[in-house]
Protein backbone atom coordinates (compact mmCIF):
# COMPACT_ATOMS: atom_id res chain seq x y z
CA MET A 1 0.00 0.00 0.00
CA ALA A 2 1.34 3.41 -0.93
CA GLU A 3 2.21 5.81 1.84
CA LYS A 4 0.02 8.90 1.99
CA ARG A 5 2.11 12.01 1.47
CA ARG A 6 1.50 15.44 2.82
CA GLU A 7 -0.06 17.73 0.23
CA THR A 8 1.95 20.76 1.32
CA ALA A 9 5.27 21.24 3.03
CA ALA A 10 5.27 22.00 6.74
CA SER A 11 5.61 25.67 7.56
CA PRO A 12 8.75 26.76 9.44
CA ASP A 13 6.60 27.33 12.53
CA GLU A 14 5.23 23.77 12.34
CA GLU A 15 8.74 22.38 11.89
CA THR A 16 9.95 24.39 14.88
CA GLU A 17 7.04 23.20 17.01
CA GLU A 18 7.70 19.58 16.03
CA ALA A 19 11.41 19.95 16.82
CA GLU A 20 10.60 21.50 20.21
CA GLU A 21 8.21 18.66 21.02
CA LEU A 22 10.93 16.12 20.19
CA ILE A 23 13.43 17.96 22.39
CA GLN A 24 10.94 18.10 25.27
CA GLU A 25 10.15 14.38 24.93
CA ALA A 26 13.85 13.48 24.83
CA ASP A 27 14.53 15.66 27.88
CA TYR A 28 11.70 14.06 29.84
CA ARG A 29 12.92 10.55 28.94
CA TRP A 30 16.46 11.52 29.93
CA PHE A 31 15.21 12.91 33.26
CA ALA A 32 13.20 9.74 33.99
CA GLU A 33 16.06 7.42 32.98
CA ASN A 34 18.59 9.36 35.08
CA TYR A 35 16.35 10.17 38.04
CA GLU A 36 18.28 8.13 40.61
CA LYS A 37 21.62 9.65 39.63
CA LEU A 38 20.12 13.15 39.57
CA ALA A 39 18.41 12.54 42.93
CA GLU A 40 21.75 11.75 44.56
CA GLU A 41 23.13 15.12 43.52
CA TYR A 42 20.04 17.34 43.50
CA GLU A 43 17.72 16.01 46.23
CA GLY A 44 15.17 18.64 47.24
CA LYS A 45 16.05 20.94 44.33
CA PHE A 46 14.34 22.31 41.23
CA LEU A 47 16.10 21.68 37.92
CA VAL A 48 15.98 23.35 34.52
CA ILE A 49 16.81 20.85 31.77
CA ARG A 50 17.37 21.48 28.07
CA LYS A 51 18.83 19.03 25.55
CA LYS A 52 19.67 16.51 28.28
CA GLU A 53 21.69 19.05 30.28
CA VAL A 54 20.97 20.56 33.67
CA LEU A 55 21.13 24.33 33.10
CA LYS A 56 20.06 25.62 36.51
CA VAL A 57 19.54 24.23 40.00
CA SER A 58 17.65 26.04 42.74
CA ASP A 59 15.93 25.56 46.07
CA THR A 60 12.80 27.40 44.88
CA LEU A 61 10.58 27.50 41.83
CA GLY A 62 10.45 31.28 42.15
CA GLU A 63 14.21 31.51 41.69
CA ILE A 64 13.97 29.25 38.63
CA LEU A 65 11.26 31.45 37.09
CA GLU A 66 13.28 34.59 37.82
CA TRP A 67 16.37 33.03 36.20
CA LEU A 68 14.35 32.10 33.11
CA ARG A 69 12.98 35.64 32.89
CA LYS A 70 16.41 37.27 33.29
CA ASN A 71 17.87 34.98 30.64
CA LYS A 72 14.88 35.51 28.32
CA ILE A 73 14.16 31.79 28.16
CA PRO A 74 10.49 30.93 27.69
CA PRO A 75 9.44 28.30 30.23
CA SER A 76 7.92 26.32 27.37
CA LYS A 77 11.42 25.81 25.90
CA VAL A 78 12.81 23.94 28.91
CA LEU A 79 11.86 21.13 31.24
CA VAL A 80 11.46 22.24 34.86
CA GLU A 81 11.40 19.35 37.33
CA THR A 82 11.88 18.85 41.03
CA ILE A 83 13.65 16.11 42.93
CA ALA A 84 11.57 15.48 46.04
CA PRO A 85 13.47 14.96 49.30
CA ARG A 86 13.70 11.29 50.28
CA SER A 87 11.76 12.11 53.44
CA PHE A 88 8.88 13.53 51.35
CA ALA A 89 5.61 11.58 51.59
CA CYS A 90 2.37 11.97 49.66
CA ILE A 91 -0.90 11.13 51.27
CA LEU A 92 -3.48 10.15 48.71
């Protein structure tokens, strides 16, 4: 069976959005796969991750957001995650 082809080429904005989605997915996978190693070093911290690299570490989300603003980095362009302290418990 023949593969259906796209009638028109993707716009540059669509290509950029697709590339950003792939970067975000890769960053999230990298974070999940390396969680234990990251937790040893960054327990209780917030992390900014981009292209499988930790760009910023902070004790507070506010400081992370301020750093992003000062560096003119849209939050949608990075992965912001936290490493919960080992003593942290969730009650569901």
